[in-house]
Amino acid sequence: MTINDVPDADETRTGGPTLTHSQCVRRLEEILPELERLGELDTLTTEDDTYFAELTREWNETDLHRK
């Protein structure tokens, strides 16, 4: 095995582009109102439920990256 056989961090990353700390905070500030809005609905449509799940996943990933 050579050094070229070992993937670097960019090749092993599973998510999208890397965000800076301030970009993470900004994105979390954008996601929160949508999660709150969806959380206040009495019932969620299938689309709303999917969107909520996607936002929750993105929130968790972004918050973990922020730390």
N, C-alpha and C. Protein backbone atom coordinates (compact mmCIF):
# COMPACT_ATOMS: atom_id res chain seq x y z
N MET A 1 0.85 -1.18 0.00
CA MET A 1 0.00 0.00 0.00
C MET A 1 0.90 1.24 0.00
N THR A 2 0.58 2.18 -0.85
CA THR A 2 1.33 3.43 -0.91
C THR A 2 0.51 4.54 -0.31
N ILE A 3 1.13 5.68 -0.13
CA ILE A 3 0.42 6.84 0.42
C ILE A 3 -0.75 7.23 -0.48
N ASN A 4 -0.62 6.96 -1.78
CA ASN A 4 -1.69 7.30 -2.72
C ASN A 4 -2.89 6.38 -2.60
N ASP A 5 -2.72 5.22 -1.94
CA ASP A 5 -3.82 4.29 -1.75
C ASP A 5 -4.73 4.67 -0.59
N VAL A 6 -4.28 5.59 0.25
CA VAL A 6 -5.06 6.01 1.42
C VAL A 6 -5.88 7.22 1.04
N PRO A 7 -7.22 7.12 1.14
CA PRO A 7 -8.05 8.28 0.78
C PRO A 7 -7.82 9.42 1.76
N ASP A 8 -7.80 10.63 1.22
CA ASP A 8 -7.66 11.78 2.11
C ASP A 8 -9.03 12.16 2.67
N ALA A 9 -9.04 13.13 3.55
CA ALA A 9 -10.28 13.52 4.24
C ALA A 9 -11.38 13.93 3.26
N ASP A 10 -11.01 14.61 2.17
CA ASP A 10 -12.02 15.06 1.21
C ASP A 10 -12.70 13.88 0.53
N GLU A 11 -11.97 12.80 0.30
CA GLU A 11 -12.54 11.65 -0.39
C GLU A 11 -13.41 10.81 0.54
N THR A 12 -13.16 10.87 1.84
CA THR A 12 -13.93 10.06 2.77
C THR A 12 -15.11 10.81 3.36
N ARG A 13 -15.20 12.11 3.14
CA ARG A 13 -16.31 12.90 3.65
C ARG A 13 -17.59 12.43 3.00
N THR A 14 -18.65 12.27 3.81
CA THR A 14 -19.90 11.77 3.26
C THR A 14 -20.89 12.88 2.96
N GLY A 15 -20.72 14.06 3.54
CA GLY A 15 -21.67 15.14 3.35
C GLY A 15 -21.29 16.03 2.19
N GLY A 16 -21.94 17.18 2.14
CA GLY A 16 -21.68 18.16 1.10
C GLY A 16 -20.48 19.01 1.45
N PRO A 17 -20.49 20.23 0.97
CA PRO A 17 -19.36 21.12 1.20
C PRO A 17 -19.18 21.42 2.69
N THR A 18 -17.94 21.69 3.06
CA THR A 18 -17.64 22.02 4.44
C THR A 18 -18.04 23.46 4.71
N LEU A 19 -18.74 23.68 5.82
CA LEU A 19 -19.17 25.01 6.20
C LEU A 19 -18.27 25.54 7.31
N THR A 20 -18.09 26.85 7.33
CA THR A 20 -17.38 27.47 8.45
C THR A 20 -18.31 27.49 9.65
N HIS A 21 -17.76 27.83 10.80
CA HIS A 21 -18.57 27.90 12.01
C HIS A 21 -19.71 28.91 11.83
N SER A 22 -19.40 30.08 11.33
CA SER A 22 -20.45 31.10 11.17
C SER A 22 -21.48 30.69 10.13
N GLN A 23 -21.08 29.97 9.09
CA GLN A 23 -22.05 29.47 8.11
C GLN A 23 -22.96 28.42 8.74
N CYS A 24 -22.39 27.58 9.61
CA CYS A 24 -23.21 26.58 10.32
C CYS A 24 -24.25 27.27 11.19
N VAL A 25 -23.81 28.27 11.94
CA VAL A 25 -24.72 29.00 12.83
C VAL A 25 -25.82 29.65 12.01
N ARG A 26 -25.46 30.26 10.90
CA ARG A 26 -26.44 30.91 10.03
C ARG A 26 -27.45 29.90 9.49
N ARG A 27 -26.97 28.75 9.07
CA ARG A 27 -27.89 27.73 8.54
C ARG A 27 -28.81 27.20 9.63
N LEU A 28 -28.29 27.01 10.83
CA LEU A 28 -29.13 26.58 11.94
C LEU A 28 -30.21 27.61 12.23
N GLU A 29 -29.86 28.89 12.11
CA GLU A 29 -30.83 29.96 12.32
C GLU A 29 -31.90 29.97 11.23
N GLU A 30 -31.57 29.47 10.04
CA GLU A 30 -32.55 29.38 8.96
C GLU A 30 -33.47 28.16 9.14
N ILE A 31 -32.91 27.07 9.65
CA ILE A 31 -33.68 25.83 9.80
C ILE A 31 -34.66 25.92 10.95
N LEU A 32 -34.26 26.54 12.06
CA LEU A 32 -35.08 26.55 13.27
C LEU A 32 -36.50 27.06 13.06
N PRO A 33 -36.71 28.20 12.40
CA PRO A 33 -38.09 28.67 12.22
C PRO A 33 -38.97 27.70 11.42
N GLU A 34 -38.36 27.01 10.47
CA GLU A 34 -39.13 26.03 9.68
C GLU A 34 -39.52 24.84 10.55
N LEU A 35 -38.60 24.37 11.38
CA LEU A 35 -38.93 23.27 12.29
C LEU A 35 -40.02 23.69 13.26
N GLU A 36 -39.92 24.91 13.77
CA GLU A 36 -40.95 25.41 14.69
C GLU A 36 -42.30 25.53 14.00
N ARG A 37 -42.30 26.04 12.78
CA ARG A 37 -43.55 26.19 12.02
C ARG A 37 -44.21 24.83 11.81
N LEU A 38 -43.43 23.86 11.39
CA LEU A 38 -43.96 22.52 11.17
C LEU A 38 -44.42 21.88 12.47
N GLY A 39 -43.69 22.16 13.55
CA GLY A 39 -44.05 21.60 14.85
C GLY A 39 -45.35 22.16 15.40
N GLU A 40 -45.75 23.33 14.95
CA GLU A 40 -46.99 23.94 15.42
C GLU A 40 -48.23 23.47 14.66
N LEU A 41 -48.04 22.76 13.57
CA LEU A 41 -49.17 22.28 12.78
C LEU A 41 -49.86 21.13 13.52
N ASP A 42 -51.19 21.10 13.42
CA ASP A 42 -51.95 20.02 14.05
C ASP A 42 -51.68 18.68 13.38
N THR A 43 -51.63 18.68 12.07
CA THR A 43 -51.32 17.47 11.32
C THR A 43 -50.34 17.83 10.21
N LEU A 44 -49.49 16.87 9.88
CA LEU A 44 -48.52 17.07 8.81
C LEU A 44 -48.94 16.28 7.58
N THR A 45 -48.83 16.92 6.43
CA THR A 45 -49.03 16.19 5.18
C THR A 45 -47.82 15.28 4.98
N THR A 46 -47.89 14.41 4.02
CA THR A 46 -46.75 13.54 3.71
C THR A 46 -45.54 14.39 3.34
N GLU A 47 -45.78 15.45 2.57
CA GLU A 47 -44.70 16.34 2.16
C GLU A 47 -44.10 17.07 3.38
N ASP A 48 -44.98 17.54 4.27
CA ASP A 48 -44.50 18.21 5.47
C ASP A 48 -43.68 17.27 6.33
N ASP A 49 -44.14 16.03 6.47
CA ASP A 49 -43.43 15.04 7.27
C ASP A 49 -42.05 14.75 6.70
N THR A 50 -41.98 14.62 5.38
CA THR A 50 -40.70 14.40 4.71
C THR A 50 -39.78 15.59 4.90
N TYR A 51 -40.31 16.79 4.73
CA TYR A 51 -39.54 18.02 4.90
C TYR A 51 -39.03 18.14 6.33
N PHE A 52 -39.89 17.82 7.30
CA PHE A 52 -39.49 17.87 8.71
C PHE A 52 -38.33 16.90 8.97
N ALA A 53 -38.43 15.70 8.43
CA ALA A 53 -37.37 14.71 8.61
C ALA A 53 -36.07 15.18 7.97
N GLU A 54 -36.15 15.77 6.78
CA GLU A 54 -34.96 16.28 6.09
C GLU A 54 -34.33 17.42 6.87
N LEU A 55 -35.15 18.35 7.37
CA LEU A 55 -34.63 19.47 8.14
C LEU A 55 -34.01 18.99 9.45
N THR A 56 -34.63 18.01 10.08
CA THR A 56 -34.09 17.46 11.33
C THR A 56 -32.72 16.83 11.08
N ARG A 57 -32.62 16.06 10.00
CA ARG A 57 -31.33 15.44 9.65
C ARG A 57 -30.29 16.51 9.37
N GLU A 58 -30.67 17.53 8.59
CA GLU A 58 -29.72 18.60 8.27
C GLU A 58 -29.31 19.35 9.53
N TRP A 59 -30.28 19.61 10.42
CA TRP A 59 -29.98 20.30 11.68
C TRP A 59 -28.93 19.51 12.46
N ASN A 60 -29.17 18.22 12.63
CA ASN A 60 -28.26 17.38 13.40
C ASN A 60 -26.86 17.34 12.79
N GLU A 61 -26.79 17.19 11.48
CA GLU A 61 -25.49 17.14 10.80
C GLU A 61 -24.77 18.48 10.91
N THR A 62 -25.50 19.57 10.70
CA THR A 62 -24.89 20.89 10.74
C THR A 62 -24.45 21.23 12.16
N ASP A 63 -25.28 20.89 13.15
CA ASP A 63 -24.94 21.17 14.53
C ASP A 63 -23.70 20.37 14.95
N LEU A 64 -23.62 19.12 14.54
CA LEU A 64 -22.45 18.29 14.84
C LEU A 64 -21.21 18.88 14.20
N HIS A 65 -21.32 19.33 12.96
CA HIS A 65 -20.19 19.93 12.25
C HIS A 65 -19.76 21.24 12.92
N ARG A 66 -20.74 22.00 13.42
CA ARG A 66 -20.46 23.27 14.08
C ARG A 66 -19.58 23.06 15.32
N LYS A 67 -19.81 21.97 16.02
CA LYS A 67 -19.07 21.69 17.26
C LYS A 67 -17.67 21.29 16.93
